[in-house]
C-alpha atoms as a PDB file:
ATOM      1  CA  MET A   1      -1.215  -0.405 -15.724  1.00  0.00           C
ATOM      2  CA  LYS A   2       0.883   2.191 -13.925  1.00  0.00           C
ATOM      3  CA  ILE A   3       3.957   0.115 -13.149  1.00  0.00           C
ATOM      4  CA  LEU A   4       5.283  -3.401 -13.768  1.00  0.00           C
ATOM      5  CA  GLY A   5       8.097  -4.870 -11.697  1.00  0.00           C
ATOM      6  CA  ILE A   6      10.382  -7.595 -13.021  1.00  0.00           C
ATOM      7  CA  GLY A   7      12.561  -9.251 -10.429  1.00  0.00           C
ATOM      8  CA  ASN A   8      13.591 -12.283  -8.445  1.00  0.00           C
ATOM      9  CA  ALA A   9      10.524 -14.041  -7.068  1.00  0.00           C
ATOM     10  CA  ILE A  10      11.861 -15.051  -3.676  1.00  0.00           C
ATOM     11  CA  VAL A  11      10.117 -16.137  -0.502  1.00  0.00           C
ATOM     12  CA  ASP A  12      11.586 -14.127   2.371  1.00  0.00           C
ATOM     13  CA  VAL A  13      12.132 -16.190   5.506  1.00  0.00           C
ATOM     14  CA  ILE A  14      12.715 -13.796   8.407  1.00  0.00           C
ATOM     15  CA  CYS A  15      14.659 -15.005  11.456  1.00  0.00           C
ATOM     16  CA  LYS A  16      16.167 -13.287  14.488  1.00  0.00           C
ATOM     17  CA  VAL A  17      19.775 -14.257  15.261  1.00  0.00           C
ATOM     18  CA  ASP A  18      22.623 -13.033  17.446  1.00  0.00           C
ATOM     19  CA  ASP A  19      25.998 -11.787  16.219  1.00  0.00           C
ATOM     20  CA  ASN A  20      27.599 -15.154  17.038  1.00  0.00           C
ATOM     21  CA  PHE A  21      25.424 -16.875  14.445  1.00  0.00           C
ATOM     22  CA  ILE A  22      26.684 -14.463  11.770  1.00  0.00           C
ATOM     23  CA  GLU A  23      30.315 -15.100  12.729  1.00  0.00           C
ATOM     24  CA  GLN A  24      29.993 -18.882  13.121  1.00  0.00           C
ATOM     25  CA  ASN A  25      28.555 -19.192   9.605  1.00  0.00           C
ATOM     26  CA  ASN A  26      31.204 -16.941   8.032  1.00  0.00           C
ATOM     27  CA  LEU A  27      28.672 -14.336   6.958  1.00  0.00           C
ATOM     28  CA  THR A  28      29.372 -10.628   6.552  1.00  0.00           C
ATOM     29  CA  LYS A  29      26.852  -8.527   8.432  1.00  0.00           C
ATOM     30  CA  SER A  30      24.545  -6.267   6.354  1.00  0.00           C
ATOM     31  CA  THR A  31      25.400  -7.917   3.029  1.00  0.00           C
ATOM     32  CA  MET A  32      23.788 -10.543   0.825  1.00  0.00           C
ATOM     33  CA  LYS A  33      25.454 -13.911   0.220  1.00  0.00           C
ATOM     34  CA  LEU A  34      24.387 -16.125  -2.657  1.00  0.00           C
ATOM     35  CA  PHE A  35      24.218 -19.867  -2.001  1.00  0.00           C
ATOM     36  CA  PHE A  36      24.638 -22.186  -4.970  1.00  0.00           C
ATOM     37  CA  ASP A  37      24.451 -25.449  -3.008  1.00  0.00           C
ATOM     38  CA  GLU A  38      20.891 -26.237  -1.939  1.00  0.00           C
ATOM     39  CA  ASN A  39      22.027 -28.630   0.815  1.00  0.00           C
ATOM     40  CA  GLU A  40      24.332 -26.025   2.364  1.00  0.00           C
ATOM     41  CA  PHE A  41      21.445 -23.568   2.337  1.00  0.00           C
ATOM     42  CA  GLN A  42      19.019 -26.059   3.908  1.00  0.00           C
ATOM     43  CA  ASN A  43      21.545 -26.832   6.676  1.00  0.00           C
ATOM     44  CA  LEU A  44      21.628 -23.145   7.584  1.00  0.00           C
ATOM     45  CA  LEU A  45      17.829 -22.926   7.579  1.00  0.00           C
ATOM     46  CA  LYS A  46      17.244 -25.963   9.815  1.00  0.00           C
ATOM     47  CA  ASN A  47      19.029 -24.294  12.749  1.00  0.00           C
ATOM     48  CA  LEU A  48      16.777 -21.257  12.701  1.00  0.00           C
ATOM     49  CA  LYS A  49      13.451 -20.281  14.224  1.00  0.00           C
ATOM     50  CA  ILE A  50      11.311 -18.688  11.517  1.00  0.00           C
ATOM     51  CA  GLU A  51       9.522 -15.460  12.517  1.00  0.00           C
ATOM     52  CA  LYS A  52       7.506 -15.199   9.308  1.00  0.00           C
ATOM     53  CA  THR A  53       7.549 -15.809   5.548  1.00  0.00           C
ATOM     54  CA  VAL A  54       6.631 -13.230   2.891  1.00  0.00           C
ATOM     55  CA  SER A  55       6.411 -13.165  -0.931  1.00  0.00           C
ATOM     56  CA  GLY A  56       9.545 -11.110  -1.344  1.00  0.00           C
ATOM     57  CA  GLY A  57      12.361 -10.138  -3.592  1.00  0.00           C
ATOM     58  CA  SER A  58      13.520  -6.536  -3.758  1.00  0.00           C
ATOM     59  CA  VAL A  59      11.366  -5.255  -6.622  1.00  0.00           C
ATOM     60  CA  ALA A  60       8.371  -7.342  -5.512  1.00  0.00           C
ATOM     61  CA  ASN A  61       8.549  -5.544  -2.150  1.00  0.00           C
ATOM     62  CA  SER A  62       8.548  -2.205  -3.969  1.00  0.00           C
ATOM     63  CA  ILE A  63       5.627  -3.219  -6.185  1.00  0.00           C
ATOM     64  CA  VAL A  64       3.556  -4.278  -3.164  1.00  0.00           C
ATOM     65  CA  GLY A  65       4.306  -0.903  -1.567  1.00  0.00           C
ATOM     66  CA  ILE A  66       3.159   0.861  -4.739  1.00  0.00           C
ATOM     67  CA  SER A  67      -0.029  -1.236  -4.771  1.00  0.00           C
ATOM     68  CA  GLN A  68      -0.669  -0.302  -1.130  1.00  0.00           C
ATOM     69  CA  LEU A  69      -0.438   3.352  -2.145  1.00  0.00           C
ATOM     70  CA  GLY A  70      -3.297   2.761  -4.576  1.00  0.00           C
ATOM     71  CA  ASP A  71      -1.525   2.398  -7.931  1.00  0.00           C
ATOM     72  CA  LYS A  72      -2.395  -0.400 -10.344  1.00  0.00           C
ATOM     73  CA  SER A  73       0.713  -2.564 -10.443  1.00  0.00           C
ATOM     74  CA  GLY A  74       1.978  -5.918 -11.658  1.00  0.00           C
ATOM     75  CA  PHE A  75       4.943  -8.243 -11.284  1.00  0.00           C
ATOM     76  CA  ILE A  76       6.839 -10.818 -13.325  1.00  0.00           C
ATOM     77  CA  GLY A  77       9.100 -13.330 -11.556  1.00  0.00           C
ATOM     78  CA  LYS A  78       9.884 -17.016 -12.069  1.00  0.00           C
ATOM     79  CA  ILE A  79       8.638 -19.579  -9.535  1.00  0.00           C
ATOM     80  CA  SER A  80       8.191 -23.344  -9.489  1.00  0.00           C
ATOM     81  CA  ASP A  81       4.946 -25.238  -8.965  1.00  0.00           C
ATOM     82  CA  ASP A  82       5.765 -26.142  -5.362  1.00  0.00           C
ATOM     83  CA  GLU A  83       4.559 -25.129  -1.909  1.00  0.00           C
ATOM     84  CA  PHE A  84       6.673 -21.966  -1.709  1.00  0.00           C
ATOM     85  CA  GLY A  85       5.635 -21.103  -5.287  1.00  0.00           C
ATOM     86  CA  ALA A  86       1.940 -21.375  -4.417  1.00  0.00           C
ATOM     87  CA  ASN A  87       2.522 -19.241  -1.309  1.00  0.00           C
ATOM     88  CA  TYR A  88       4.358 -16.691  -3.392  1.00  0.00           C
ATOM     89  CA  GLU A  89       1.596 -16.270  -5.968  1.00  0.00           C
ATOM     90  CA  GLU A  90      -1.103 -16.115  -3.291  1.00  0.00           C
ATOM     91  CA  GLY A  91       0.880 -13.525  -1.325  1.00  0.00           C
ATOM     92  CA  LEU A  92       1.036 -11.132  -4.280  1.00  0.00           C
ATOM     93  CA  LYS A  93      -2.635 -11.578  -5.166  1.00  0.00           C
ATOM     94  CA  LYS A  94      -3.606 -10.686  -1.580  1.00  0.00           C
ATOM     95  CA  GLU A  95      -1.776  -7.383  -2.087  1.00  0.00           C
ATOM     96  CA  ASN A  96      -3.716  -6.628  -5.314  1.00  0.00           C
ATOM     97  CA  VAL A  97      -0.621  -7.098  -7.461  1.00  0.00           C
ATOM     98  CA  GLU A  98      -1.351  -8.653 -10.843  1.00  0.00           C
ATOM     99  CA  TYR A  99       1.024 -11.581 -11.338  1.00  0.00           C
ATOM    100  CA  PHE A 100       2.039 -12.180 -14.954  1.00  0.00           C
ATOM    101  CA  TYR A 101       3.509 -15.636 -14.666  1.00  0.00           C
ATOM    102  CA  SER A 102       2.218 -19.184 -15.223  1.00  0.00           C
ATOM    103  CA  LYS A 103       4.022 -21.506 -12.847  1.00  0.00           C
ATOM    104  CA  LYS A 104       5.009 -25.030 -13.787  1.00  0.00           C
ATOM    105  CA  LYS A 105       7.215 -27.689 -12.205  1.00  0.00           C
ATOM    106  CA  GLU A 106      10.819 -26.530 -12.609  1.00  0.00           C
ATOM    107  CA  GLU A 107      14.096 -28.390 -12.037  1.00  0.00           C
ATOM    108  CA  LEU A 108      14.925 -26.021  -9.172  1.00  0.00           C
ATOM    109  CA  PRO A 109      12.600 -25.017  -6.317  1.00  0.00           C
ATOM    110  CA  THR A 110      11.145 -21.552  -5.772  1.00  0.00           C
ATOM    111  CA  GLY A 111      13.816 -19.115  -4.586  1.00  0.00           C
ATOM    112  CA  THR A 112      14.269 -18.427  -0.870  1.00  0.00           C
ATOM    113  CA  CYS A 113      16.032 -15.670   1.064  1.00  0.00           C
ATOM    114  CA  LEU A 114      16.919 -16.008   4.735  1.00  0.00           C
ATOM    115  CA  ILE A 115      16.812 -12.572   6.315  1.00  0.00           C
ATOM    116  CA  LEU A 116      18.838 -12.736   9.503  1.00  0.00           C
ATOM    117  CA  VAL A 117      18.039  -9.819  11.812  1.00  0.00           C
ATOM    118  CA  THR A 118      20.633  -9.100  14.516  1.00  0.00           C
ATOM    119  CA  PRO A 119      19.885  -7.165  17.739  1.00  0.00           C
ATOM    120  CA  ASP A 120      21.200  -3.920  16.166  1.00  0.00           C
ATOM    121  CA  SER A 121      18.390  -4.152  13.528  1.00  0.00           C
ATOM    122  CA  GLU A 122      20.857  -4.816  10.703  1.00  0.00           C
ATOM    123  CA  ARG A 123      19.883  -7.545   8.260  1.00  0.00           C
ATOM    124  CA  THR A 124      22.146 -10.098   6.656  1.00  0.00           C
ATOM    125  CA  MET A 125      20.717 -12.012   3.723  1.00  0.00           C
ATOM    126  CA  CYS A 126      21.424 -15.546   2.555  1.00  0.00           C
ATOM    127  CA  THR A 127      19.825 -16.236  -0.795  1.00  0.00           C
ATOM    128  CA  PHE A 128      19.243 -19.469  -2.684  1.00  0.00           C
ATOM    129  CA  LEU A 129      17.859 -18.202  -5.984  1.00  0.00           C
ATOM    130  CA  GLY A 130      16.442 -21.537  -7.081  1.00  0.00           C
ATOM    131  CA  THR A 131      14.427 -21.129 -10.253  1.00  0.00           C
ATOM    132  CA  ALA A 132      14.105 -17.326  -9.783  1.00  0.00           C
ATOM    133  CA  GLY A 133      17.587 -16.833 -11.218  1.00  0.00           C
ATOM    134  CA  LYS A 134      16.729 -18.878 -14.325  1.00  0.00           C
ATOM    135  CA  ILE A 135      14.320 -16.298 -15.744  1.00  0.00           C
ATOM    136  CA  ASN A 136      14.454 -16.089 -19.536  1.00  0.00           C
ATOM    137  CA  GLU A 137      12.879 -13.987 -22.269  1.00  0.00           C
ATOM    138  CA  ASN A 138       9.934 -16.404 -22.630  1.00  0.00           C
ATOM    139  CA  ASP A 139       8.987 -15.637 -19.015  1.00  0.00           C
ATOM    140  CA  VAL A 140       8.643 -11.928 -19.792  1.00  0.00           C
ATOM    141  CA  SER A 141       5.335 -10.796 -21.310  1.00  0.00           C
ATOM    142  CA  SER A 142       5.885  -8.109 -23.986  1.00  0.00           C
ATOM    143  CA  ASP A 143       2.170  -7.359 -23.839  1.00  0.00           C
ATOM    144  CA  ALA A 144       2.241  -6.625 -20.078  1.00  0.00           C
ATOM    145  CA  ILE A 145       5.320  -4.408 -20.535  1.00  0.00           C
ATOM    146  CA  LYS A 146       3.787  -2.406 -23.379  1.00  0.00           C
ATOM    147  CA  LYS A 147       0.656  -1.772 -21.315  1.00  0.00           C
ATOM    148  CA  SER A 148       2.678  -0.338 -18.418  1.00  0.00           C
ATOM    149  CA  GLU A 149       3.700   3.298 -18.029  1.00  0.00           C
ATOM    150  CA  ILE A 150       7.044   2.286 -16.516  1.00  0.00           C
ATOM    151  CA  ILE A 151       8.888  -0.936 -15.667  1.00  0.00           C
ATOM    152  CA  PHE A 152      11.057  -1.427 -12.586  1.00  0.00           C
ATOM    153  CA  LEU A 153      13.998  -3.858 -12.726  1.00  0.00           C
ATOM    154  CA  GLU A 154      16.430  -5.069 -10.070  1.00  0.00           C
ATOM    155  CA  GLY A 155      20.185  -5.527 -10.281  1.00  0.00           C
ATOM    156  CA  TYR A 156      19.868  -8.816  -8.386  1.00  0.00           C
ATOM    157  CA  LEU A 157      18.161 -10.303 -11.453  1.00  0.00           C
ATOM    158  CA  TRP A 158      20.789  -9.339 -14.027  1.00  0.00           C
ATOM    159  CA  ASP A 159      23.180 -12.056 -15.072  1.00  0.00           C
ATOM    160  CA  GLU A 160      24.903 -13.218 -18.248  1.00  0.00           C
ATOM    161  CA  GLY A 161      22.918 -15.497 -20.527  1.00  0.00           C
ATOM    162  CA  GLU A 162      19.157 -15.979 -20.176  1.00  0.00           C
ATOM    163  CA  PRO A 163      18.491 -13.301 -17.488  1.00  0.00           C
ATOM    164  CA  LYS A 164      20.292 -10.694 -19.641  1.00  0.00           C
ATOM    165  CA  LYS A 165      18.050 -11.619 -22.604  1.00  0.00           C
ATOM    166  CA  ALA A 166      14.991 -11.214 -20.366  1.00  0.00           C
ATOM    167  CA  PHE A 167      16.298  -7.776 -19.286  1.00  0.00           C
ATOM    168  CA  ASP A 168      16.936  -6.708 -22.880  1.00  0.00           C
ATOM    169  CA  LYS A 169      13.475  -7.794 -23.994  1.00  0.00           C
ATOM    170  CA  ALA A 170      11.888  -5.866 -21.121  1.00  0.00           C
ATOM    171  CA  ILE A 171      13.889  -2.692 -21.799  1.00  0.00           C
ATOM    172  CA  ASN A 172      13.277  -2.819 -25.551  1.00  0.00           C
ATOM    173  CA  ASN A 173       9.503  -3.044 -25.086  1.00  0.00           C
ATOM    174  CA  ALA A 174       9.145  -0.504 -22.259  1.00  0.00           C
ATOM    175  CA  LYS A 175       7.986   3.112 -22.413  1.00  0.00           C
ATOM    176  CA  LYS A 176      10.207   4.035 -19.442  1.00  0.00           C
ATOM    177  CA  VAL A 177      12.693   2.024 -17.401  1.00  0.00           C
ATOM    178  CA  ALA A 178      13.688   2.330 -13.744  1.00  0.00           C
ATOM    179  CA  MET A 179      16.191   0.037 -12.033  1.00  0.00           C
ATOM    180  CA  THR A 180      17.740  -0.442  -8.625  1.00  0.00           C
ATOM    181  CA  LEU A 181      21.423  -1.387  -8.450  1.00  0.00           C
ATOM    182  CA  SER A 182      20.371  -3.646  -5.537  1.00  0.00           C
ATOM    183  CA  ASP A 183      23.616  -4.437  -3.727  1.00  0.00           C
ATOM    184  CA  LEU A 184      27.324  -3.628  -3.717  1.00  0.00           C
ATOM    185  CA  PHE A 185      27.968  -7.304  -4.498  1.00  0.00           C
ATOM    186  CA  CYS A 186      25.947  -6.965  -7.736  1.00  0.00           C
ATOM    187  CA  VAL A 187      27.633  -3.709  -8.735  1.00  0.00           C
ATOM    188  CA  GLU A 188      31.130  -5.110  -8.312  1.00  0.00           C
ATOM    189  CA  ARG A 189      30.223  -8.318 -10.109  1.00  0.00           C
ATOM    190  CA  HIS A 190      28.651  -6.612 -13.141  1.00  0.00           C
ATOM    191  CA  LYS A 191      30.250  -3.153 -13.133  1.00  0.00           C
ATOM    192  CA  PRO A 192      30.754  -2.540 -16.910  1.00  0.00           C
ATOM    193  CA  HIS A 193      27.266  -3.861 -17.727  1.00  0.00           C
ATOM    194  CA  PHE A 194      25.570  -1.811 -14.999  1.00  0.00           C
ATOM    195  CA  LEU A 195      27.459   1.322 -16.042  1.00  0.00           C
ATOM    196  CA  ASN A 196      26.237   0.830 -19.604  1.00  0.00           C
ATOM    197  CA  LEU A 197      22.648   0.427 -18.374  1.00  0.00           C
ATOM    198  CA  VAL A 198      22.835   3.561 -16.215  1.00  0.00           C
ATOM    199  CA  LYS A 199      24.354   5.654 -18.996  1.00  0.00           C
ATOM    200  CA  ASN A 200      22.351   4.405 -21.961  1.00  0.00           C
ATOM    201  CA  LYS A 201      19.229   2.419 -21.058  1.00  0.00           C
ATOM    202  CA  LEU A 202      17.665   3.617 -17.802  1.00  0.00           C
ATOM    203  CA  ASP A 203      15.429   6.627 -17.197  1.00  0.00           C
ATOM    204  CA  ILE A 204      15.676   6.325 -13.397  1.00  0.00           C
ATOM    205  CA  THR A 205      18.443   4.663 -11.366  1.00  0.00           C
ATOM    206  CA  PHE A 206      18.098   3.911  -7.647  1.00  0.00           C
ATOM    207  CA  ALA A 207      21.241   3.264  -5.612  1.00  0.00           C
ATOM    208  CA  ASN A 208      22.643   3.720  -2.153  1.00  0.00           C
ATOM    209  CA  GLU A 209      25.758   5.825  -1.743  1.00  0.00           C
ATOM    210  CA  GLN A 210      28.067   2.813  -1.505  1.00  0.00           C
ATOM    211  CA  GLU A 211      26.722   1.254  -4.713  1.00  0.00           C
ATOM    212  CA  ILE A 212      26.893   4.364  -6.918  1.00  0.00           C
ATOM    213  CA  THR A 213      30.329   5.324  -5.546  1.00  0.00           C
ATOM    214  CA  SER A 214      31.633   1.876  -6.469  1.00  0.00           C
ATOM    215  CA  LEU A 215      29.957   1.883  -9.894  1.00  0.00           C
ATOM    216  CA  ILE A 216      31.628   5.077 -11.070  1.00  0.00           C
ATOM    217  CA  GLU A 217      34.709   4.634  -8.839  1.00  0.00           C
ATOM    218  CA  ALA A 218      34.119   8.035  -7.245  1.00  0.00           C
ATOM    219  CA  LYS A 219      36.414   9.395  -4.531  1.00  0.00           C
ATOM    220  CA  ASN A 220      33.668  11.463  -2.905  1.00  0.00           C
ATOM    221  CA  PHE A 221      29.992  12.341  -3.223  1.00  0.00           C
ATOM    222  CA  ASP A 222      30.699  15.483  -5.260  1.00  0.00           C
ATOM    223  CA  GLU A 223      31.941  13.206  -8.022  1.00  0.00           C
ATOM    224  CA  VAL A 224      28.631  11.315  -7.881  1.00  0.00           C
ATOM    225  CA  ILE A 225      26.743  14.620  -8.262  1.00  0.00           C
ATOM    226  CA  ASN A 226      28.915  15.672 -11.228  1.00  0.00           C
ATOM    227  CA  PHE A 227      28.513  12.289 -12.911  1.00  0.00           C
ATOM    228  CA  SER A 228      24.738  12.532 -12.511  1.00  0.00           C
ATOM    229  CA  LYS A 229      24.541  16.034 -13.938  1.00  0.00           C
ATOM    230  CA  GLN A 230      26.417  14.928 -17.059  1.00  0.00           C
ATOM    231  CA  LEU A 231      24.203  11.860 -17.300  1.00  0.00           C
ATOM    232  CA  ASN A 232      21.090  14.019 -17.640  1.00  0.00           C
ATOM    233  CA  LYS A 233      18.832  11.204 -16.382  1.00  0.00           C
ATOM    234  CA  LEU A 234      17.213  10.822 -12.970  1.00  0.00           C
ATOM    235  CA  LEU A 235      19.530   9.346 -10.335  1.00  0.00           C
ATOM    236  CA  VAL A 236      18.163   8.739  -6.829  1.00  0.00           C
ATOM    237  CA  VAL A 237      20.659   7.996  -4.043  1.00  0.00           C
ATOM    238  CA  THR A 238      19.887   6.986  -0.464  1.00  0.00           C
ATOM    239  CA  ARG A 239      22.588   8.034   2.028  1.00  0.00           C
ATOM    240  CA  GLY A 240      21.577   6.449   5.331  1.00  0.00           C
ATOM    241  CA  GLU A 241      21.548   9.053   8.091  1.00  0.00           C
ATOM    242  CA  LYS A 242      22.261  11.803   5.550  1.00  0.00           C
ATOM    243  CA  GLY A 243      18.873  11.248   3.914  1.00  0.00           C
ATOM    244  CA  ALA A 244      18.365  10.963   0.162  1.00  0.00           C
ATOM    245  CA  VAL A 245      19.297  12.920  -2.949  1.00  0.00           C
ATOM    246  CA  ALA A 246      17.796  13.031  -6.437  1.00  0.00           C
ATOM    247  CA  ILE A 247      19.787  14.519  -9.302  1.00  0.00           C
ATOM    248  CA  LYS A 248      17.925  15.476 -12.468  1.00  0.00           C
ATOM    249  CA  GLY A 249      19.981  17.376 -15.019  1.00  0.00           C
ATOM    250  CA  ASN A 250      21.593  20.277 -13.173  1.00  0.00           C
ATOM    251  CA  GLU A 251      19.048  20.188 -10.357  1.00  0.00           C
ATOM    252  CA  VAL A 252      19.839  18.516  -7.033  1.00  0.00           C
ATOM    253  CA  PHE A 253      17.027  17.755  -4.578  1.00  0.00           C
ATOM    254  CA  GLU A 254      17.515  16.580  -0.998  1.00  0.00           C
ATOM    255  CA  SER A 255      15.358  15.004   1.674  1.00  0.00           C
ATOM    256  CA  ASN A 256      16.329  14.463   5.315  1.00  0.00           C
ATOM    257  CA  ILE A 257      15.545  11.312   7.279  1.00  0.00           C
ATOM    258  CA  HIS A 258      12.727  11.320   9.810  1.00  0.00           C
ATOM    259  CA  GLN A 259      13.915  11.794  13.390  1.00  0.00           C
ATOM    260  CA  ASN A 260      13.193   9.849  16.594  1.00  0.00           C
ATOM    261  CA  LEU A 261      12.182   6.625  14.873  1.00  0.00           C
ATOM    262  CA  LYS A 262      12.073   3.370  16.820  1.00  0.00           C
ATOM    263  CA  ILE A 263      14.096   1.277  14.372  1.00  0.00           C
ATOM    264  CA  VAL A 264      13.306  -2.429  14.589  1.00  0.00           C
ATOM    265  CA  ASP A 265      14.519  -3.912  11.291  1.00  0.00           C
ATOM    266  CA  LEU A 266      16.140  -2.241   8.263  1.00  0.00           C
ATOM    267  CA  THR A 267      14.823  -4.935   5.872  1.00  0.00           C
ATOM    268  CA  GLY A 268      13.041  -3.342   2.945  1.00  0.00           C
ATOM    269  CA  ALA A 269      14.105   0.241   3.682  1.00  0.00           C
ATOM    270  CA  GLY A 270      15.475   0.717   0.151  1.00  0.00           C
ATOM    271  CA  ASP A 271      12.623  -1.223  -1.455  1.00  0.00           C
ATOM    272  CA  LEU A 272       9.947   0.885   0.217  1.00  0.00           C
ATOM    273  CA  PHE A 273      11.875   4.086  -0.454  1.00  0.00           C
ATOM    274  CA  ALA A 274      11.754   3.192  -4.172  1.00  0.00           C
ATOM    275  CA  ALA A 275       8.020   2.425  -3.843  1.00  0.00           C
ATOM    276  CA  GLY A 276       7.291   5.862  -2.387  1.00  0.00           C
ATOM    277  CA  PHE A 277       9.447   7.645  -4.947  1.00  0.00           C
ATOM    278  CA  LEU A 278       7.952   5.794  -7.928  1.00  0.00           C
ATOM    279  CA  HIS A 279       4.416   6.342  -6.608  1.00  0.00           C
ATOM    280  CA  GLY A 280       5.159  10.057  -6.653  1.00  0.00           C
ATOM    281  CA  TYR A 281       6.766   9.850 -10.091  1.00  0.00           C
ATOM    282  CA  ILE A 282       3.883   8.040 -11.806  1.00  0.00           C
ATOM    283  CA  ASN A 283       1.414  10.446 -10.194  1.00  0.00           C
ATOM    284  CA  ASN A 284       3.334  13.503 -11.471  1.00  0.00           C
ATOM    285  CA  LEU A 285       4.534  14.799  -8.100  1.00  0.00           C
ATOM    286  CA  SER A 286       7.611  17.044  -8.060  1.00  0.00           C
ATOM    287  CA  THR A 287      11.005  15.402  -7.612  1.00  0.00           C
ATOM    288  CA  LYS A 288      11.235  16.844  -4.087  1.00  0.00           C
ATOM    289  CA  GLU A 289       7.793  15.411  -3.224  1.00  0.00           C
ATOM    290  CA  CYS A 290       8.849  12.023  -4.673  1.00  0.00           C
ATOM    291  CA  LEU A 291      11.893  12.029  -2.375  1.00  0.00           C
ATOM    292  CA  GLU A 292       9.739  12.900   0.624  1.00  0.00           C
ATOM    293  CA  LYS A 293       7.252  10.111  -0.183  1.00  0.00           C
ATOM    294  CA  GLY A 294      10.137   7.651  -0.454  1.00  0.00           C
ATOM    295  CA  THR A 295      11.505   8.793   2.900  1.00  0.00           C
ATOM    296  CA  GLU A 296       8.066   8.481   4.497  1.00  0.00           C
ATOM    297  CA  MET A 297       7.637   4.898   3.261  1.00  0.00           C
ATOM    298  CA  SER A 298      11.114   3.769   4.325  1.00  0.00           C
ATOM    299  CA  SER A 299      10.602   5.400   7.744  1.00  0.00           C
ATOM    300  CA  LYS A 300       7.450   3.346   8.258  1.00  0.00           C
ATOM    301  CA  VAL A 301       8.898  -0.010   7.240  1.00  0.00           C
ATOM    302  CA  ILE A 302      12.004   0.145   9.460  1.00  0.00           C
ATOM    303  CA  GLN A 303       9.833   0.463  12.567  1.00  0.00           C
ATOM    304  CA  GLN A 304       8.533  -3.089  12.140  1.00  0.00           C
ATOM    305  CA  ILE A 305       9.784  -6.570  11.262  1.00  0.00           C
ATOM    306  CA  GLY A 306       9.896  -7.373   7.536  1.00  0.00           C
ATOM    307  CA  ALA A 307       9.673  -5.498   4.244  1.00  0.00           C
ATOM    308  CA  ARG A 308       5.922  -4.879   4.196  1.00  0.00           C
ATOM    309  CA  ILE A 309       3.868  -2.059   5.670  1.00  0.00           C
END
């Protein structure tokens, strides 16, 4: 298998809202808020009109994108044997993604993420991880990892205790490891651990400018470039309107964004960028071509609703 993703198995529930809804529910636009109280989460959901549901999660979105580009791919993520869990598994199979997980009835339901899209196309996420966040090393197949050329992990999944053990098992059995830092919230919550991963465990790190700047406490982007050069790994940074940059040793590659796009929804832009880049990487394209493929995929996804092309 070319690539195996390991991440939060979360059903994305996409809803359109106005800015008032964001303010009234004390949410911060364009960020992700974790809900730990299922009732509080359900109360938020019942006031919304659902546009559509998708088998999501950040890395799962990337893996589907990679599958759509024709690469043999798989995914590991914890679900429960419930209605959302069945939908989740079926959704991945429809996309030709091999799903390495045997669901059973768990104490918590399958994870859900409300993606609230405001009129300016920004997305604000409200996530109830459910059983997704309870992944442990027994949920991770060493055999599937060893048969993959590269694994792709997400920062959202990392947490102390059982998820960390699952991460360690995956990394220790992998040929190559890529990871996305996922969200500024994750970086600030797990900074020393993420810094250790980036420096010592990962072959490829994906981040947006905000995340990597926070991780290394940089004052400007030149400091990010210098850090990456000393790292001597592959660091890929998306910079919004400034495009994307990949730093590999002393080499710095850049790709500009596509112009004149009709942006509808920024959901999945980073996930599909990673899909395009990794597709290029596992098919031995140059770093510049990988960046351009990532930019092409993210440009497509933001011109529609949801994180799937």
